[in-house]
Amino acid sequence: MRRRRAVALLVESSNAYARGLLEGIVAWVREHDPWSIYFPEQGRGEPPPGWLSRWKGDGIIARIENETIARAVARTGLPVVDVSAGRHLPSVPWVETDDAAIARLAADHFLERGFRSLAWCGEPRFNWSRWRRGHFEKAAREAGCDFRAYESPSASGEHERLIAWVRKLPRPVGVLACYDIKAQQLLDACRDLDVAVPEQVAVLGVDNDRLLCTLSTPPLSSVIPNTRRTGFVAAGLLARMMSGRKAAARAHLIPPTGIEMRQSTEILALEDPGVAAALRFIREHACEGITVPDVLRSVPFSRRTLEGRFRKVMGRTPHDEILRLKIERVKQLLAETDLKLAEVARKTGFPHVEYMSVAFKRLEGRPPSEFRLDRRG
């Protein structure tokens, strides 16, 4: 019998992102080779376990968050895959979220709701926060938006500094926080200032930590990183390396699956109330098989008037918006479920799977099956 490979997972389990990575690694192991897993109790950024220097295993998947962990992992001489954005060990392959895709998704989320003032709330000590800010600011400025930014210098006095920053923000404004914890801090500052969320300040987080998001006041909308896919890809790379094959020391960036909408961004900052009403109807019913005539019954406009005003505000027609939202939901179901394509089509309001597939390929450039394979492994 072939010996099981011994793999150490130096990944914390204290947050939703890391738990998602672990679930992806487990999914790869179940589908491929069984491993003997060494999984010490490990906090984020904590020193590596003492036994690592004496361990005779076959490979390591690690969140290399500092130089201490980097040196300890490198000294083992074993195949290593990094699942941190810290880049403390650039000689090994690393798998991380696609921060450019996260920023674009967030910017589109606010722009589609009519926001013309956008802001960023970040933690500059983290690479991923700096990268997200850069891409988000670029998207905001390309759209002609007013842009403001807050970068946390330290934990001490953070709440007071956030309050001072929020006071100076234009209203309404859409704010992307670098991750859910920072978004929750921002919501606390808004509450202390009696600033209405989302009417005056709409807040979007990243990571979709369901417990944290639902405990926030109001409940927090959040970008959903594809952590399962990230862990799955990392495990596949390590298996390749443990088999003696090479894996380039480059970034493998995994795009997010979408946004979990909650109350903190449920607002339309549009100056045209008729378009806002039409857009609200479309968002509530897009996946129920509605057409433009259904939208017209919800607003007092002729089709020509609605389409003209809608195109002026949104840059596309009501039909385009219905189709876009349906495809976004298709993408989410493909990435997060094992539903057959026919069931995905039914749940998203397409009359049959062939129509869904043609529309999907036209907008995304590839068929649904290929999209699912890429997102889920």
Protein backbone atom coordinates (compact mmCIF):
# COMPACT_ATOMS: atom_id res chain seq x y z
CA MET A 1 0.00 0.00 0.00
CA ARG A 2 1.17 3.52 -0.80
CA ARG A 3 2.09 5.57 2.24
CA ARG A 4 -0.13 8.54 2.95
CA ARG A 5 1.64 11.83 2.56
CA ALA A 6 1.95 13.87 5.75
CA VAL A 7 0.91 17.50 5.31
CA ALA A 8 1.05 20.30 7.90
CA LEU A 9 -1.57 23.05 7.75
CA LEU A 10 -0.28 26.22 9.41
CA VAL A 11 -3.59 28.02 8.99
CA GLU A 12 -5.67 29.51 11.80
CA SER A 13 -9.31 28.55 12.22
CA SER A 14 -10.38 31.68 14.10
CA ASN A 15 -11.91 33.58 11.15
CA ALA A 16 -14.25 32.84 8.27
CA TYR A 17 -11.65 33.36 5.54
CA ALA A 18 -9.20 30.85 7.00
CA ARG A 19 -11.95 28.31 7.69
CA GLY A 20 -12.96 28.59 4.05
CA LEU A 21 -9.38 27.80 3.02
CA LEU A 22 -9.40 24.71 5.23
CA GLU A 23 -12.71 23.55 3.74
CA GLY A 24 -11.21 23.84 0.25
CA ILE A 25 -8.16 21.80 1.28
CA VAL A 26 -10.42 19.12 2.77
CA ALA A 27 -12.47 19.07 -0.46
CA TRP A 28 -9.32 18.43 -2.53
CA VAL A 29 -8.19 15.64 -0.21
CA ARG A 30 -11.61 13.96 -0.40
CA GLU A 31 -11.60 14.08 -4.18
CA HIS A 32 -7.97 13.00 -4.65
CA ASP A 33 -5.31 11.50 -2.35
CA PRO A 34 -5.92 10.98 1.36
CA TRP A 35 -3.35 12.84 3.45
CA SER A 36 -2.28 12.55 7.06
CA ILE A 37 -3.03 16.07 8.23
CA TYR A 38 -1.08 17.84 10.97
CA PHE A 39 -3.19 20.77 12.10
CA PRO A 40 -1.91 22.51 15.24
CA GLU A 41 -3.93 25.11 17.11
CA GLN A 42 -2.54 28.19 15.43
CA GLY A 43 -3.49 31.85 15.72
CA ARG A 44 -2.96 34.23 12.83
CA GLY A 45 0.65 35.42 12.79
CA GLU A 46 1.63 33.30 15.80
CA PRO A 47 5.09 31.63 15.92
CA PRO A 48 5.25 28.23 14.20
CA PRO A 49 4.79 25.13 16.40
CA GLY A 50 7.95 23.83 18.05
CA TRP A 51 7.62 20.38 16.48
CA LEU A 52 7.93 21.79 12.95
CA SER A 53 11.75 21.86 13.09
CA ARG A 54 11.81 18.10 13.88
CA TRP A 55 8.89 17.07 11.69
CA LYS A 56 9.50 14.51 8.93
CA GLY A 57 6.50 15.26 6.76
CA ASP A 58 6.02 15.73 3.03
CA GLY A 59 4.62 19.23 2.53
CA ILE A 60 3.17 22.39 4.10
CA ILE A 61 0.33 24.78 3.36
CA ALA A 62 0.81 27.90 5.44
CA ARG A 63 -0.44 31.42 6.04
CA ILE A 64 3.05 32.95 6.09
CA GLU A 65 2.24 36.20 7.89
CA ASN A 66 5.69 37.16 9.20
CA GLU A 67 9.43 36.52 8.83
CA THR A 68 9.51 34.09 11.76
CA ILE A 69 7.08 31.71 10.11
CA ALA A 70 8.81 32.20 6.74
CA ARG A 71 12.21 31.19 8.14
CA ALA A 72 10.81 28.18 10.00
CA VAL A 73 8.96 26.91 6.95
CA ALA A 74 11.92 27.46 4.63
CA ARG A 75 14.27 25.57 6.97
CA THR A 76 12.21 22.39 6.62
CA GLY A 77 13.23 22.12 2.95
CA LEU A 78 9.78 20.73 2.17
CA PRO A 79 7.41 21.70 -0.65
CA VAL A 80 5.41 24.73 0.53
CA VAL A 81 2.37 26.63 -0.75
CA ASP A 82 1.66 30.03 0.79
CA VAL A 83 -1.95 31.18 1.27
CA SER A 84 -1.12 34.64 2.60
CA ALA A 85 -0.71 37.95 0.77
CA GLY A 86 2.26 38.83 2.99
CA ARG A 87 4.80 37.47 0.47
CA HIS A 88 7.42 36.77 3.11
CA LEU A 89 8.63 33.74 1.15
CA PRO A 90 8.64 34.77 -2.53
CA SER A 91 10.38 31.57 -3.65
CA VAL A 92 7.20 29.47 -3.26
CA PRO A 93 3.84 29.56 -5.09
CA TRP A 94 1.07 31.45 -3.36
CA VAL A 95 -2.69 31.37 -3.69
CA GLU A 96 -4.73 34.41 -2.69
CA THR A 97 -7.86 36.40 -3.43
CA ASP A 98 -7.94 38.50 -6.58
CA ASP A 99 -7.95 41.95 -4.99
CA ALA A 100 -8.46 43.73 -8.31
CA ALA A 101 -11.61 41.68 -8.92
CA ILE A 102 -12.85 42.39 -5.38
CA ALA A 103 -12.35 46.13 -5.86
CA ARG A 104 -14.07 46.18 -9.26
CA LEU A 105 -17.02 44.21 -7.92
CA ALA A 106 -17.38 46.61 -4.98
CA ALA A 107 -17.11 49.70 -7.18
CA ASP A 108 -19.74 48.34 -9.56
CA HIS A 109 -21.98 47.58 -6.58
CA PHE A 110 -21.96 51.24 -5.53
CA LEU A 111 -22.04 52.70 -9.05
CA GLU A 112 -25.09 50.58 -9.93
CA ARG A 113 -26.84 52.13 -6.95
CA GLY A 114 -26.14 55.61 -8.19
CA PHE A 115 -23.35 56.63 -5.81
CA ARG A 116 -21.06 59.34 -7.15
CA SER A 117 -19.01 59.70 -3.98
CA LEU A 118 -16.96 56.68 -2.93
CA ALA A 119 -14.61 56.15 -0.02
CA TRP A 120 -12.14 53.60 1.29
CA CYS A 121 -11.47 52.47 4.86
CA GLY A 122 -8.33 50.38 5.16
CA GLU A 123 -5.47 48.83 7.14
CA PRO A 124 -2.21 49.80 5.36
CA ARG A 125 -0.13 47.24 7.27
CA PHE A 126 -1.65 44.50 5.08
CA ASN A 127 -0.66 44.03 1.42
CA TRP A 128 -4.17 42.97 0.46
CA SER A 129 -5.63 46.14 1.96
CA ARG A 130 -3.22 48.37 0.02
CA TRP A 131 -3.90 46.47 -3.19
CA ARG A 132 -7.66 46.68 -2.77
CA ARG A 133 -7.47 50.39 -2.11
CA GLY A 134 -5.42 51.00 -5.26
CA HIS A 135 -7.84 49.14 -7.50
CA PHE A 136 -10.93 50.63 -5.82
CA GLU A 137 -9.60 54.17 -6.12
CA LYS A 138 -8.74 53.59 -9.79
CA ALA A 139 -12.28 52.34 -10.51
CA ALA A 140 -13.81 55.29 -8.64
CA ARG A 141 -11.74 57.90 -10.47
CA GLU A 142 -12.34 56.28 -13.86
CA ALA A 143 -16.08 56.59 -13.16
CA GLY A 144 -15.66 60.29 -12.35
CA CYS A 145 -16.48 59.85 -8.66
CA ASP A 146 -15.33 61.95 -5.73
CA PHE A 147 -12.98 59.71 -3.72
CA ARG A 148 -11.92 59.85 -0.05
CA ALA A 149 -9.78 57.45 1.96
CA TYR A 150 -9.04 56.56 5.56
CA GLU A 151 -6.03 54.44 6.52
CA SER A 152 -5.79 53.19 10.09
CA PRO A 153 -2.41 54.20 11.58
CA SER A 154 -2.80 52.08 14.75
CA ALA A 155 -5.39 50.47 17.00
CA SER A 156 -5.07 53.13 19.68
CA GLY A 157 -7.68 55.86 19.29
CA GLU A 158 -9.17 54.20 16.21
CA HIS A 159 -12.80 54.84 17.08
CA GLU A 160 -12.29 58.57 17.60
CA ARG A 161 -10.34 58.91 14.34
CA LEU A 162 -13.06 57.06 12.43
CA ILE A 163 -15.72 59.36 13.89
CA ALA A 164 -13.73 62.44 12.81
CA TRP A 165 -13.33 61.03 9.30
CA VAL A 166 -17.01 60.11 8.90
CA ARG A 167 -18.03 63.64 9.91
CA LYS A 168 -16.15 65.03 6.90
CA LEU A 169 -17.50 62.58 4.32
CA PRO A 170 -19.87 63.83 1.59
CA ARG A 171 -23.40 62.42 1.71
CA PRO A 172 -24.53 60.07 0.34
CA VAL A 173 -21.33 58.05 0.05
CA GLY A 174 -20.51 54.41 -0.54
CA VAL A 175 -17.63 53.11 1.59
CA LEU A 176 -15.66 49.93 0.95
CA ALA A 177 -13.91 48.64 4.07
CA CYS A 178 -10.87 46.43 3.58
CA TYR A 179 -12.55 43.56 5.48
CA ASP A 180 -15.58 42.88 7.63
CA ILE A 181 -13.92 43.75 10.95
CA LYS A 182 -13.02 47.22 9.71
CA ALA A 183 -16.53 47.61 8.27
CA GLN A 184 -18.04 46.78 11.65
CA GLN A 185 -15.83 49.44 13.26
CA LEU A 186 -17.06 51.93 10.68
CA LEU A 187 -20.68 51.04 11.41
CA ASP A 188 -20.03 51.64 15.12
CA ALA A 189 -18.69 55.13 14.30
CA CYS A 190 -21.75 55.90 12.17
CA ARG A 191 -24.06 54.77 14.96
CA ASP A 192 -22.31 57.01 17.51
CA LEU A 193 -22.66 59.95 15.11
CA ASP A 194 -26.31 59.12 14.43
CA VAL A 195 -25.46 58.84 10.71
CA ALA A 196 -28.08 56.86 8.79
CA VAL A 197 -26.80 53.63 7.20
CA PRO A 198 -27.28 53.09 4.31
CA GLU A 199 -29.19 56.30 3.48
CA GLN A 200 -26.24 58.63 4.20
CA VAL A 201 -23.30 56.23 4.39
CA ALA A 202 -23.53 52.82 2.71
CA VAL A 203 -20.95 50.33 4.01
CA LEU A 204 -19.58 47.23 2.25
CA GLY A 205 -17.16 44.75 3.80
CA VAL A 206 -15.07 41.89 2.42
CA ASP A 207 -14.95 38.22 3.53
CA ASN A 208 -18.67 37.64 4.22
CA ASP A 209 -18.08 36.41 7.75
CA ARG A 210 -21.74 35.50 8.28
CA LEU A 211 -21.68 35.72 12.07
CA LEU A 212 -19.93 39.09 12.08
CA CYS A 213 -22.09 40.46 9.27
CA THR A 214 -25.39 39.48 10.85
CA LEU A 215 -24.34 40.73 14.30
CA SER A 216 -23.48 44.15 12.85
CA THR A 217 -25.98 47.01 13.12
CA PRO A 218 -27.36 47.22 10.50
CA PRO A 219 -26.47 43.81 9.00
CA LEU A 220 -23.41 44.19 6.80
CA SER A 221 -23.25 43.59 3.05
CA SER A 222 -19.99 41.89 2.11
CA VAL A 223 -17.96 40.67 -0.87
CA ILE A 224 -17.79 36.87 -0.92
CA PRO A 225 -14.24 35.58 -1.56
CA ASN A 226 -14.06 32.11 -3.06
CA THR A 227 -12.09 30.69 -0.15
CA ARG A 228 -13.04 27.10 -0.91
CA ARG A 229 -11.55 27.42 -4.37
CA THR A 230 -8.46 29.10 -2.92
CA GLY A 231 -7.81 26.20 -0.55
CA PHE A 232 -8.61 23.68 -3.28
CA VAL A 233 -6.06 25.21 -5.67
CA ALA A 234 -3.42 25.39 -2.92
CA ALA A 235 -3.86 21.69 -2.13
CA GLY A 236 -3.58 20.80 -5.81
CA LEU A 237 -0.35 22.77 -6.15
CA LEU A 238 1.16 21.11 -3.08
CA ALA A 239 0.22 17.65 -4.37
CA ARG A 240 1.96 18.47 -7.65
CA MET A 241 5.12 19.55 -5.82
CA MET A 242 5.12 16.52 -3.50
CA SER A 243 5.00 14.32 -6.61
CA GLY A 244 8.26 15.85 -7.80
CA ARG A 245 6.77 18.20 -10.37
CA LYS A 246 7.51 21.89 -10.43
CA ALA A 247 5.10 24.68 -9.54
CA ALA A 248 6.14 28.21 -10.47
CA ALA A 249 6.63 30.66 -7.60
CA ARG A 250 3.89 32.96 -8.82
CA ALA A 251 0.52 34.22 -7.71
CA HIS A 252 -2.61 32.17 -8.29
CA LEU A 253 -5.38 34.74 -7.81
CA ILE A 254 -8.93 33.55 -7.16
CA PRO A 255 -11.82 35.94 -7.98
CA PRO A 256 -14.77 36.45 -5.59
CA THR A 257 -18.14 34.79 -6.20
CA GLY A 258 -20.30 37.88 -5.64
CA ILE A 259 -21.74 40.10 -2.92
CA GLU A 260 -24.03 39.04 -0.09
CA MET A 261 -26.57 41.84 0.09
CA ARG A 262 -27.66 42.97 3.52
CA GLN A 263 -29.11 46.19 4.90
CA SER A 264 -25.88 48.24 4.98
CA THR A 265 -25.98 48.83 1.19
CA GLU A 266 -29.68 48.36 0.43
CA ILE A 267 -30.14 51.83 -1.00
CA LEU A 268 -30.40 53.51 -4.40
CA ALA A 269 -28.67 56.90 -4.47
CA LEU A 270 -30.33 57.97 -7.73
CA GLU A 271 -31.59 61.47 -8.46
CA ASP A 272 -34.30 60.13 -10.79
CA PRO A 273 -36.98 58.55 -8.55
CA GLY A 274 -38.68 56.86 -11.50
CA VAL A 275 -35.50 55.07 -12.54
CA ALA A 276 -34.85 54.19 -8.89
CA ALA A 277 -38.31 52.62 -8.63
CA ALA A 278 -37.80 50.64 -11.84
CA LEU A 279 -34.38 49.49 -10.72
CA ARG A 280 -35.69 48.44 -7.34
CA PHE A 281 -38.42 46.35 -9.02
CA ILE A 282 -35.87 44.73 -11.33
CA ARG A 283 -33.54 43.82 -8.47
CA GLU A 284 -36.34 42.30 -6.45
CA HIS A 285 -37.79 40.24 -9.32
CA ALA A 286 -35.07 39.75 -11.98
CA CYS A 287 -34.81 36.00 -11.42
CA GLU A 288 -38.57 35.45 -11.57
CA GLY A 289 -38.70 35.55 -15.36
CA ILE A 290 -39.84 39.20 -15.61
CA THR A 291 -39.66 41.21 -18.83
CA VAL A 292 -39.66 44.95 -19.56
CA PRO A 293 -43.52 45.08 -19.74
CA ASP A 294 -43.57 43.82 -16.14
CA VAL A 295 -41.26 46.68 -15.17
CA LEU A 296 -43.49 49.20 -16.96
CA ARG A 297 -46.43 48.16 -14.80
CA SER A 298 -44.44 49.26 -11.73
CA VAL A 299 -43.72 52.82 -12.96
CA PRO A 300 -45.85 55.49 -14.69
CA PHE A 301 -43.76 55.65 -17.90
CA SER A 302 -44.07 54.61 -21.51
CA ARG A 303 -41.47 52.12 -22.68
CA ARG A 304 -39.66 54.78 -24.69
CA THR A 305 -39.50 57.19 -21.74
CA LEU A 306 -38.36 54.52 -19.30
CA GLU A 307 -35.65 53.22 -21.60
CA GLY A 308 -34.38 56.74 -22.34
CA ARG A 309 -34.22 57.79 -18.69
CA PHE A 310 -32.86 54.39 -17.59
CA ARG A 311 -30.10 54.50 -20.21
CA LYS A 312 -29.20 58.07 -19.21
CA VAL A 313 -28.79 57.15 -15.52
CA MET A 314 -27.52 53.56 -15.73
CA GLY A 315 -25.84 53.46 -19.14
CA ARG A 316 -27.91 50.46 -20.25
CA THR A 317 -31.52 49.44 -20.91
CA PRO A 318 -33.92 47.80 -18.43
CA HIS A 319 -33.66 44.58 -20.47
CA ASP A 320 -29.86 44.66 -20.17
CA GLU A 321 -30.13 45.15 -16.41
CA ILE A 322 -32.54 42.23 -16.01
CA LEU A 323 -30.20 39.96 -17.97
CA ARG A 324 -27.11 41.19 -16.11
CA LEU A 325 -28.63 40.45 -12.70
CA LYS A 326 -29.79 37.01 -13.83
CA ILE A 327 -26.30 36.14 -15.06
CA GLU A 328 -24.76 37.36 -11.79
CA ARG A 329 -27.06 35.00 -9.92
CA VAL A 330 -26.17 32.18 -12.31
CA LYS A 331 -22.48 32.78 -11.57
CA GLN A 332 -23.10 32.63 -7.85
CA LEU A 333 -25.04 29.35 -8.08
CA LEU A 334 -22.40 27.81 -10.34
CA ALA A 335 -19.62 28.73 -7.92
CA GLU A 336 -21.36 27.83 -4.67
CA THR A 337 -23.65 24.88 -5.43
CA ASP A 338 -23.72 21.54 -7.26
CA LEU A 339 -27.07 22.26 -8.91
CA LYS A 340 -27.47 20.93 -12.44
CA LEU A 341 -27.58 23.56 -15.19
CA ALA A 342 -31.28 22.98 -15.78
CA GLU A 343 -32.01 23.74 -12.13
CA VAL A 344 -29.77 26.82 -12.23
CA ALA A 345 -31.72 28.05 -15.26
CA ARG A 346 -35.03 27.48 -13.48
CA LYS A 347 -33.91 29.33 -10.35
CA THR A 348 -32.72 32.33 -12.34
CA GLY A 349 -35.78 32.81 -14.54
CA PHE A 350 -34.50 31.43 -17.83
CA PRO A 351 -37.12 29.48 -19.84
CA HIS A 352 -34.62 26.72 -20.66
CA VAL A 353 -30.97 25.86 -20.13
CA GLU A 354 -30.00 26.48 -23.76
CA TYR A 355 -31.13 30.11 -23.57
CA MET A 356 -29.22 30.56 -20.30
CA SER A 357 -26.07 29.05 -21.79
CA VAL A 358 -26.17 31.27 -24.88
CA ALA A 359 -26.76 34.41 -22.80
CA PHE A 360 -24.05 33.43 -20.33
CA LYS A 361 -21.46 32.82 -23.04
CA ARG A 362 -22.33 36.11 -24.76
CA LEU A 363 -21.77 38.11 -21.56
CA GLU A 364 -18.98 36.09 -19.93
CA GLY A 365 -17.10 34.81 -22.97
CA ARG A 366 -17.33 31.13 -21.99
CA PRO A 367 -20.03 28.54 -21.28
CA PRO A 368 -21.42 27.96 -17.76
CA SER A 369 -19.75 24.55 -17.44
CA GLU A 370 -16.31 26.03 -18.06
CA PHE A 371 -16.99 28.84 -15.57
CA ARG A 372 -17.99 26.31 -12.89
CA LEU A 373 -14.92 24.17 -13.51
CA ASP A 374 -12.65 27.18 -13.14
CA ARG A 375 -14.35 28.46 -9.96
CA ARG A 376 -14.83 25.16 -8.16
CA GLY A 377 -12.05 22.90 -9.36
